[in-house]
């Protein structure tokens, strides 16, 4: 999208939906997965991230309760752990050759997430976790497009050949 088109779209959006935040990340930014369960997981994760961002904005304005935001953040944390565990289980089951590299990427992300959670809980500062979450779309898009895509292709092929 060109800069001019982006500005026109943002202007239209801001006039039509005053006060409603745009999405943090869009599913169209990530490649479609060959493995349906990975695709669904990514779509769900993006939905949760966008919901957190909107709730955080409304919370900052005094228009949403902290409990709502915390519940959605907890949902995201649980989702990420299940997401990574499932991918890692499939990679091991089908002997994905780059398992160690992929798992390391997950471990590094989880370490950053855990640090943000610890800071949030220790200092009761919800902005630490919401700021972390707002930075994750860049990581997600890069990870999905460069790491998950070949993993998904490999797993789909392996599953297809073992089902035959």
N, C-alpha and C. Protein backbone atom coordinates (compact mmCIF):
# COMPACT_ATOMS: atom_id res chain seq x y z
N UNK A 1 0.85 -1.17 0.00
CA UNK A 1 0.00 0.00 0.00
C UNK A 1 0.90 1.23 0.00
N UNK A 2 0.57 2.17 -0.84
CA UNK A 2 1.37 3.39 -0.90
C UNK A 2 1.08 4.27 0.30
N UNK A 3 1.96 5.20 0.55
CA UNK A 3 1.78 6.13 1.66
C UNK A 3 0.50 6.92 1.49
N UNK A 4 0.22 7.38 0.28
CA UNK A 4 -1.00 8.17 0.03
C UNK A 4 -2.24 7.33 0.31
N UNK A 5 -2.26 6.10 -0.19
CA UNK A 5 -3.41 5.22 0.07
C UNK A 5 -3.58 4.97 1.56
N UNK A 6 -2.46 4.79 2.25
CA UNK A 6 -2.51 4.56 3.68
C UNK A 6 -3.08 5.77 4.41
N UNK A 7 -2.65 6.97 4.01
CA UNK A 7 -3.17 8.19 4.63
C UNK A 7 -4.65 8.38 4.35
N UNK A 8 -5.07 8.09 3.13
CA UNK A 8 -6.50 8.20 2.79
C UNK A 8 -7.31 7.21 3.61
N UNK A 9 -6.83 5.97 3.70
CA UNK A 9 -7.53 4.95 4.48
C UNK A 9 -7.61 5.35 5.94
N UNK A 10 -6.50 5.82 6.50
CA UNK A 10 -6.51 6.25 7.90
C UNK A 10 -7.46 7.42 8.12
N UNK A 11 -7.48 8.37 7.20
CA UNK A 11 -8.38 9.52 7.31
C UNK A 11 -9.83 9.06 7.27
N UNK A 12 -10.16 8.18 6.32
CA UNK A 12 -11.51 7.64 6.22
C UNK A 12 -11.89 6.92 7.50
N UNK A 13 -10.99 6.06 7.96
CA UNK A 13 -11.25 5.26 9.15
C UNK A 13 -11.45 6.15 10.37
N UNK A 14 -10.57 7.14 10.52
CA UNK A 14 -10.66 8.03 11.69
C UNK A 14 -11.93 8.87 11.67
N UNK A 15 -12.39 9.27 10.49
CA UNK A 15 -13.64 10.04 10.41
C UNK A 15 -14.86 9.16 10.63
N UNK A 16 -14.84 7.97 10.08
CA UNK A 16 -16.00 7.08 10.19
C UNK A 16 -16.10 6.46 11.58
N UNK A 17 -14.98 6.10 12.17
CA UNK A 17 -14.98 5.39 13.45
C UNK A 17 -14.23 6.21 14.50
N UNK A 18 -14.66 7.41 14.72
CA UNK A 18 -13.98 8.28 15.68
C UNK A 18 -13.84 7.58 17.03
N UNK A 19 -12.62 7.57 17.53
CA UNK A 19 -12.38 7.02 18.85
C UNK A 19 -12.22 5.51 18.90
N UNK A 20 -12.46 4.83 17.79
CA UNK A 20 -12.29 3.38 17.76
C UNK A 20 -10.91 3.08 17.17
N UNK A 21 -10.05 2.42 17.94
CA UNK A 21 -8.70 2.17 17.45
C UNK A 21 -8.67 1.19 16.28
N UNK A 22 -7.72 1.41 15.38
CA UNK A 22 -7.50 0.47 14.29
C UNK A 22 -6.84 -0.78 14.87
N UNK A 23 -6.81 -1.83 14.09
CA UNK A 23 -6.20 -3.08 14.54
C UNK A 23 -4.69 -2.92 14.70
N UNK A 24 -4.17 -3.64 15.64
CA UNK A 24 -2.73 -3.67 15.89
C UNK A 24 -2.02 -4.46 14.80
N UNK A 25 -2.65 -5.53 14.36
CA UNK A 25 -2.09 -6.40 13.32
C UNK A 25 -3.26 -7.05 12.58
N UNK A 26 -3.03 -7.34 11.31
CA UNK A 26 -4.07 -7.95 10.47
C UNK A 26 -3.60 -9.31 9.98
N UNK A 27 -4.53 -10.24 9.87
CA UNK A 27 -4.18 -11.59 9.40
C UNK A 27 -3.57 -11.54 8.01
N UNK A 28 -3.95 -10.55 7.22
CA UNK A 28 -3.41 -10.43 5.86
C UNK A 28 -1.90 -10.14 5.85
N UNK A 29 -1.34 -9.76 6.98
CA UNK A 29 0.09 -9.48 7.06
C UNK A 29 0.93 -10.75 7.14
N UNK A 30 0.27 -11.86 7.45
CA UNK A 30 1.01 -13.11 7.57
C UNK A 30 0.60 -14.08 6.47
N UNK A 31 1.54 -14.90 6.09
CA UNK A 31 1.30 -15.89 5.04
C UNK A 31 0.28 -16.92 5.52
N UNK A 32 -0.48 -17.46 4.58
CA UNK A 32 -1.42 -18.51 4.92
C UNK A 32 -0.66 -19.82 5.10
N UNK A 33 -1.03 -20.55 6.14
CA UNK A 33 -0.35 -21.79 6.48
C UNK A 33 -0.94 -22.97 5.70
N UNK A 34 -0.09 -23.90 5.35
CA UNK A 34 -0.54 -25.13 4.68
C UNK A 34 -1.28 -26.04 5.66
N UNK A 35 -0.97 -25.89 6.93
CA UNK A 35 -1.59 -26.70 7.97
C UNK A 35 -2.70 -25.87 8.62
N UNK A 36 -3.93 -26.33 8.47
CA UNK A 36 -5.10 -25.57 8.92
C UNK A 36 -5.04 -25.20 10.40
N UNK A 37 -4.59 -26.12 11.25
CA UNK A 37 -4.56 -25.82 12.68
C UNK A 37 -3.59 -24.68 13.00
N UNK A 38 -2.50 -24.58 12.25
CA UNK A 38 -1.57 -23.47 12.46
C UNK A 38 -2.20 -22.17 11.99
N UNK A 39 -2.92 -22.21 10.89
CA UNK A 39 -3.61 -21.02 10.38
C UNK A 39 -4.62 -20.52 11.41
N UNK A 40 -5.44 -21.42 11.92
CA UNK A 40 -6.46 -21.06 12.90
C UNK A 40 -5.83 -20.48 14.16
N UNK A 41 -4.75 -21.09 14.61
CA UNK A 41 -4.05 -20.60 15.81
C UNK A 41 -3.56 -19.17 15.59
N UNK A 42 -2.98 -18.89 14.43
CA UNK A 42 -2.49 -17.54 14.14
C UNK A 42 -3.64 -16.54 14.06
N UNK A 43 -4.72 -16.93 13.44
CA UNK A 43 -5.89 -16.05 13.36
C UNK A 43 -6.42 -15.72 14.75
N UNK A 44 -6.53 -16.74 15.60
CA UNK A 44 -7.01 -16.52 16.97
C UNK A 44 -6.07 -15.62 17.76
N UNK A 45 -4.78 -15.84 17.59
CA UNK A 45 -3.80 -15.02 18.31
C UNK A 45 -3.89 -13.56 17.90
N UNK A 46 -4.04 -13.32 16.62
CA UNK A 46 -4.17 -11.95 16.12
C UNK A 46 -5.44 -11.29 16.66
N UNK A 47 -6.53 -12.05 16.71
CA UNK A 47 -7.77 -11.53 17.29
C UNK A 47 -7.58 -11.12 18.75
N UNK A 48 -6.91 -11.98 19.51
CA UNK A 48 -6.67 -11.69 20.93
C UNK A 48 -5.79 -10.46 21.09
N UNK A 49 -4.72 -10.36 20.30
CA UNK A 49 -3.83 -9.19 20.37
C UNK A 49 -4.60 -7.90 20.09
N UNK A 50 -5.43 -7.92 19.07
CA UNK A 50 -6.21 -6.72 18.73
C UNK A 50 -7.21 -6.38 19.82
N UNK A 51 -7.79 -7.40 20.44
CA UNK A 51 -8.73 -7.16 21.53
C UNK A 51 -8.01 -6.54 22.73
N UNK A 52 -6.81 -7.02 23.03
CA UNK A 52 -6.03 -6.44 24.14
C UNK A 52 -5.72 -4.98 23.86
N UNK A 53 -5.28 -4.70 22.64
CA UNK A 53 -4.93 -3.33 22.29
C UNK A 53 -6.14 -2.40 22.46
N UNK A 54 -7.28 -2.82 21.96
CA UNK A 54 -8.50 -2.00 22.09
C UNK A 54 -8.87 -1.81 23.56
N UNK A 55 -8.85 -2.90 24.33
CA UNK A 55 -9.17 -2.80 25.75
C UNK A 55 -8.19 -1.88 26.48
N UNK A 56 -6.91 -1.96 26.13
CA UNK A 56 -5.90 -1.11 26.77
C UNK A 56 -6.17 0.36 26.48
N UNK A 57 -6.55 0.65 25.24
CA UNK A 57 -6.88 2.04 24.89
C UNK A 57 -8.10 2.51 25.68
N UNK A 58 -9.13 1.68 25.70
CA UNK A 58 -10.34 2.06 26.44
C UNK A 58 -10.08 2.12 27.94
N UNK A 59 -9.21 1.25 28.45
CA UNK A 59 -8.83 1.28 29.86
C UNK A 59 -8.12 2.59 30.19
N UNK A 60 -7.19 3.00 29.33
CA UNK A 60 -6.47 4.26 29.53
C UNK A 60 -7.42 5.45 29.55
N UNK A 61 -8.51 5.35 28.80
CA UNK A 61 -9.52 6.43 28.75
C UNK A 61 -10.52 6.34 29.90
N UNK A 62 -10.43 5.28 30.69
CA UNK A 62 -11.39 5.07 31.76
C UNK A 62 -12.70 4.46 31.26
N UNK A 63 -12.67 3.85 30.07
CA UNK A 63 -13.88 3.30 29.46
C UNK A 63 -13.92 1.77 29.52
N UNK A 64 -12.93 1.15 30.14
CA UNK A 64 -12.92 -0.31 30.30
C UNK A 64 -12.35 -0.62 31.68
N UNK A 65 -12.79 -1.73 32.24
CA UNK A 65 -12.32 -2.13 33.56
C UNK A 65 -11.01 -2.90 33.45
N UNK A 66 -10.18 -2.72 34.47
CA UNK A 66 -8.90 -3.42 34.49
C UNK A 66 -9.10 -4.93 34.45
N UNK A 67 -10.14 -5.43 35.11
CA UNK A 67 -10.40 -6.87 35.14
C UNK A 67 -10.61 -7.43 33.74
N UNK A 68 -11.28 -6.67 32.88
CA UNK A 68 -11.50 -7.10 31.49
C UNK A 68 -10.16 -7.23 30.76
N UNK A 69 -9.34 -6.21 30.94
CA UNK A 69 -8.03 -6.20 30.29
C UNK A 69 -7.15 -7.33 30.80
N UNK A 70 -7.14 -7.52 32.11
CA UNK A 70 -6.33 -8.59 32.71
C UNK A 70 -6.80 -9.96 32.22
N UNK A 71 -8.11 -10.16 32.13
CA UNK A 71 -8.64 -11.44 31.65
C UNK A 71 -8.20 -11.71 30.21
N UNK A 72 -8.21 -10.69 29.38
CA UNK A 72 -7.80 -10.86 27.98
C UNK A 72 -6.29 -11.10 27.89
N UNK A 73 -5.51 -10.42 28.72
CA UNK A 73 -4.06 -10.66 28.75
C UNK A 73 -3.78 -12.09 29.19
N UNK A 74 -4.48 -12.55 30.23
CA UNK A 74 -4.31 -13.93 30.69
C UNK A 74 -4.68 -14.93 29.59
N UNK A 75 -5.73 -14.63 28.83
CA UNK A 75 -6.12 -15.48 27.70
C UNK A 75 -4.99 -15.54 26.67
N UNK A 76 -4.37 -14.39 26.40
CA UNK A 76 -3.27 -14.34 25.44
C UNK A 76 -2.08 -15.18 25.92
N UNK A 77 -1.72 -15.02 27.18
CA UNK A 77 -0.58 -15.76 27.74
C UNK A 77 -0.82 -17.27 27.62
N UNK A 78 -2.02 -17.70 28.00
CA UNK A 78 -2.36 -19.13 27.90
C UNK A 78 -2.33 -19.59 26.44
N UNK A 79 -2.86 -18.76 25.56
CA UNK A 79 -2.91 -19.09 24.13
C UNK A 79 -1.50 -19.27 23.57
N UNK A 80 -0.60 -18.35 23.90
CA UNK A 80 0.78 -18.42 23.39
C UNK A 80 1.45 -19.71 23.85
N UNK A 81 1.29 -20.04 25.12
CA UNK A 81 1.92 -21.26 25.64
C UNK A 81 1.38 -22.51 24.94
N UNK A 82 0.07 -22.58 24.76
CA UNK A 82 -0.53 -23.73 24.06
C UNK A 82 -0.11 -23.76 22.59
N UNK A 83 -0.08 -22.59 21.96
CA UNK A 83 0.33 -22.46 20.56
C UNK A 83 1.72 -23.04 20.36
N UNK A 84 2.67 -22.57 21.15
CA UNK A 84 4.05 -23.01 21.00
C UNK A 84 4.20 -24.50 21.34
N UNK A 85 3.53 -24.95 22.41
CA UNK A 85 3.62 -26.36 22.80
C UNK A 85 3.09 -27.27 21.70
N UNK A 86 1.99 -26.88 21.07
CA UNK A 86 1.42 -27.69 20.00
C UNK A 86 2.35 -27.74 18.78
N UNK A 87 2.89 -26.59 18.39
CA UNK A 87 3.83 -26.58 17.26
C UNK A 87 5.04 -27.45 17.56
N UNK A 88 5.57 -27.33 18.76
CA UNK A 88 6.76 -28.10 19.13
C UNK A 88 6.46 -29.60 19.17
N UNK A 89 5.27 -29.96 19.64
CA UNK A 89 4.86 -31.37 19.65
C UNK A 89 4.81 -31.92 18.23
N UNK A 90 4.20 -31.16 17.32
CA UNK A 90 4.11 -31.60 15.92
C UNK A 90 5.49 -31.69 15.27
N UNK A 91 6.34 -30.70 15.54
CA UNK A 91 7.68 -30.72 14.96
C UNK A 91 8.46 -31.95 15.41
N UNK A 92 8.32 -32.30 16.68
CA UNK A 92 9.02 -33.49 17.19
C UNK A 92 8.42 -34.77 16.61
N UNK A 93 7.10 -34.82 16.57
CA UNK A 93 6.42 -36.01 16.06
C UNK A 93 6.82 -36.33 14.62
N UNK A 94 6.98 -35.28 13.81
CA UNK A 94 7.29 -35.48 12.39
C UNK A 94 8.75 -35.18 12.05
N UNK A 95 9.59 -35.13 13.09
CA UNK A 95 11.05 -34.96 12.90
C UNK A 95 11.40 -33.75 12.04
N UNK A 96 10.86 -32.61 12.40
CA UNK A 96 11.18 -31.38 11.67
C UNK A 96 12.67 -31.09 11.84
N UNK A 97 13.42 -30.96 10.74
CA UNK A 97 14.88 -30.82 10.84
C UNK A 97 15.36 -29.54 11.53
N UNK A 98 14.56 -28.50 11.53
CA UNK A 98 14.99 -27.25 12.16
C UNK A 98 14.26 -27.00 13.48
N UNK A 99 13.92 -28.09 14.15
CA UNK A 99 13.19 -28.01 15.42
C UNK A 99 13.92 -27.14 16.44
N UNK A 100 15.21 -27.37 16.62
CA UNK A 100 15.97 -26.64 17.65
C UNK A 100 15.93 -25.13 17.41
N UNK A 101 16.10 -24.72 16.17
CA UNK A 101 16.06 -23.30 15.84
C UNK A 101 14.67 -22.72 16.12
N UNK A 102 13.64 -23.44 15.72
CA UNK A 102 12.27 -22.97 15.91
C UNK A 102 11.94 -22.89 17.40
N UNK A 103 12.31 -23.92 18.14
CA UNK A 103 12.06 -23.93 19.59
C UNK A 103 12.81 -22.80 20.28
N UNK A 104 14.02 -22.52 19.85
CA UNK A 104 14.79 -21.42 20.44
C UNK A 104 14.07 -20.09 20.23
N UNK A 105 13.49 -19.89 19.05
CA UNK A 105 12.73 -18.66 18.79
C UNK A 105 11.54 -18.56 19.75
N UNK A 106 10.85 -19.68 19.97
CA UNK A 106 9.74 -19.69 20.92
C UNK A 106 10.24 -19.39 22.34
N UNK A 107 11.32 -20.04 22.74
CA UNK A 107 11.86 -19.86 24.09
C UNK A 107 12.26 -18.41 24.34
N UNK A 108 12.87 -17.78 23.36
CA UNK A 108 13.28 -16.37 23.51
C UNK A 108 12.05 -15.47 23.66
N UNK A 109 11.02 -15.73 22.87
CA UNK A 109 9.80 -14.93 22.97
C UNK A 109 9.16 -15.14 24.35
N UNK A 110 9.08 -16.39 24.80
CA UNK A 110 8.47 -16.69 26.10
C UNK A 110 9.26 -16.05 27.25
N UNK A 111 10.57 -15.99 27.12
CA UNK A 111 11.39 -15.35 28.15
C UNK A 111 11.06 -13.85 28.24
N UNK A 112 10.93 -13.20 27.10
CA UNK A 112 10.56 -11.78 27.10
C UNK A 112 9.15 -11.59 27.66
N UNK A 113 8.24 -12.46 27.28
CA UNK A 113 6.87 -12.40 27.79
C UNK A 113 6.87 -12.59 29.30
N UNK A 114 7.60 -13.59 29.79
CA UNK A 114 7.67 -13.84 31.23
C UNK A 114 8.26 -12.65 31.98
N UNK A 115 9.28 -12.00 31.42
CA UNK A 115 9.85 -10.81 32.06
C UNK A 115 8.84 -9.68 32.15
N UNK A 116 8.07 -9.49 31.09
CA UNK A 116 7.04 -8.44 31.09
C UNK A 116 5.97 -8.76 32.12
N UNK A 117 5.60 -10.03 32.23
CA UNK A 117 4.59 -10.45 33.22
C UNK A 117 5.11 -10.21 34.63
N UNK A 118 6.36 -10.60 34.89
CA UNK A 118 6.94 -10.41 36.23
C UNK A 118 6.95 -8.94 36.62
N UNK A 119 7.36 -8.09 35.69
CA UNK A 119 7.40 -6.65 35.97
C UNK A 119 6.00 -6.14 36.25
N UNK A 120 5.05 -6.55 35.44
CA UNK A 120 3.66 -6.13 35.60
C UNK A 120 3.14 -6.54 36.98
N UNK A 121 3.35 -7.79 37.37
CA UNK A 121 2.84 -8.29 38.65
C UNK A 121 3.59 -7.66 39.83
N UNK A 122 4.90 -7.54 39.70
CA UNK A 122 5.71 -7.03 40.81
C UNK A 122 5.40 -5.56 41.12
N UNK A 123 5.28 -4.75 40.06
CA UNK A 123 5.08 -3.32 40.26
C UNK A 123 3.64 -2.87 40.02
N UNK A 124 2.77 -3.85 39.74
CA UNK A 124 1.37 -3.56 39.46
C UNK A 124 1.23 -2.47 38.40
N UNK A 125 2.06 -2.62 37.36
CA UNK A 125 2.08 -1.66 36.26
C UNK A 125 1.67 -2.37 34.97
N UNK A 126 0.41 -2.27 34.65
CA UNK A 126 -0.15 -3.00 33.51
C UNK A 126 0.43 -2.51 32.18
N UNK A 127 0.97 -1.29 32.17
CA UNK A 127 1.53 -0.77 30.91
C UNK A 127 2.74 -1.58 30.44
N UNK A 128 3.46 -2.21 31.36
CA UNK A 128 4.62 -3.03 30.97
C UNK A 128 4.17 -4.17 30.06
N UNK A 129 3.10 -4.85 30.43
CA UNK A 129 2.64 -5.98 29.62
C UNK A 129 1.91 -5.49 28.37
N UNK A 130 1.14 -4.42 28.47
CA UNK A 130 0.45 -3.93 27.26
C UNK A 130 1.45 -3.38 26.25
N UNK A 131 2.50 -2.73 26.72
CA UNK A 131 3.55 -2.25 25.80
C UNK A 131 4.26 -3.42 25.12
N UNK A 132 4.53 -4.47 25.88
CA UNK A 132 5.14 -5.66 25.29
C UNK A 132 4.22 -6.24 24.21
N UNK A 133 2.96 -6.37 24.53
CA UNK A 133 1.99 -6.94 23.58
C UNK A 133 1.89 -6.08 22.33
N UNK A 134 1.97 -4.78 22.48
CA UNK A 134 1.91 -3.89 21.31
C UNK A 134 3.15 -3.99 20.43
N UNK A 135 4.24 -4.51 20.97
CA UNK A 135 5.45 -4.71 20.16
C UNK A 135 5.48 -6.08 19.48
N UNK A 136 4.60 -6.99 19.90
CA UNK A 136 4.67 -8.35 19.38
C UNK A 136 4.24 -8.52 17.92
N UNK A 137 3.38 -7.67 17.35
CA UNK A 137 3.00 -7.90 15.95
C UNK A 137 4.19 -7.98 15.00
N UNK A 138 5.18 -7.15 15.20
CA UNK A 138 6.37 -7.19 14.34
C UNK A 138 7.03 -8.56 14.43
N UNK A 139 7.17 -9.07 15.66
CA UNK A 139 7.77 -10.39 15.86
C UNK A 139 6.90 -11.47 15.22
N UNK A 140 5.60 -11.39 15.46
CA UNK A 140 4.68 -12.40 14.94
C UNK A 140 4.73 -12.47 13.42
N UNK A 141 4.64 -11.33 12.77
CA UNK A 141 4.66 -11.30 11.30
C UNK A 141 5.97 -11.91 10.78
N UNK A 142 7.08 -11.50 11.35
CA UNK A 142 8.37 -12.03 10.93
C UNK A 142 8.47 -13.53 11.20
N UNK A 143 8.09 -13.95 12.40
CA UNK A 143 8.18 -15.36 12.78
C UNK A 143 7.28 -16.23 11.90
N UNK A 144 6.05 -15.81 11.74
CA UNK A 144 5.10 -16.61 10.95
C UNK A 144 5.58 -16.72 9.50
N UNK A 145 6.00 -15.61 8.93
CA UNK A 145 6.37 -15.60 7.51
C UNK A 145 7.70 -16.28 7.20
N UNK A 146 8.60 -16.32 8.17
CA UNK A 146 9.92 -16.89 7.89
C UNK A 146 10.19 -18.21 8.60
N UNK A 147 9.52 -18.47 9.70
CA UNK A 147 9.78 -19.68 10.48
C UNK A 147 8.58 -20.64 10.43
N UNK A 148 7.39 -20.12 10.71
CA UNK A 148 6.21 -21.00 10.72
C UNK A 148 5.81 -21.46 9.32
N UNK A 149 5.97 -20.62 8.33
CA UNK A 149 5.56 -21.01 6.97
C UNK A 149 6.29 -22.27 6.49
N UNK A 150 7.62 -22.32 6.53
CA UNK A 150 8.28 -23.56 6.11
C UNK A 150 7.96 -24.73 7.04
N UNK A 151 7.76 -24.44 8.31
CA UNK A 151 7.38 -25.51 9.25
C UNK A 151 6.03 -26.09 8.86
N UNK A 152 5.08 -25.22 8.60
CA UNK A 152 3.74 -25.64 8.20
C UNK A 152 3.77 -26.45 6.91
N UNK A 153 4.54 -25.99 5.95
CA UNK A 153 4.66 -26.72 4.68
C UNK A 153 5.23 -28.12 4.90
N UNK A 154 6.28 -28.19 5.71
CA UNK A 154 6.91 -29.48 6.02
C UNK A 154 5.92 -30.41 6.73
N UNK A 155 5.27 -29.90 7.76
CA UNK A 155 4.34 -30.72 8.54
C UNK A 155 3.16 -31.19 7.69
N UNK A 156 2.61 -30.30 6.88
CA UNK A 156 1.48 -30.68 6.02
C UNK A 156 1.89 -31.79 5.06
N UNK A 157 3.08 -31.68 4.49
CA UNK A 157 3.58 -32.70 3.57
C UNK A 157 3.79 -34.03 4.28
N UNK A 158 4.39 -33.97 5.47
CA UNK A 158 4.63 -35.19 6.25
C UNK A 158 3.32 -35.85 6.65
N UNK A 159 2.36 -35.06 7.08
CA UNK A 159 1.06 -35.60 7.50
C UNK A 159 0.34 -36.24 6.31
N UNK A 160 0.45 -35.59 5.18
CA UNK A 160 -0.19 -36.10 3.96
C UNK A 160 0.43 -37.44 3.55
N UNK A 161 1.76 -37.53 3.63
CA UNK A 161 2.43 -38.77 3.22
C UNK A 161 2.21 -39.91 4.22
N UNK A 162 2.02 -39.60 5.50
CA UNK A 162 1.77 -40.66 6.49
C UNK A 162 0.32 -41.10 6.47
N UNK A 163 -0.58 -40.24 6.01
CA UNK A 163 -1.99 -40.60 5.90
C UNK A 163 -2.25 -41.49 4.69
N UNK A 164 -1.37 -41.42 3.71
CA UNK A 164 -1.57 -42.18 2.46
C UNK A 164 -1.32 -43.65 2.64
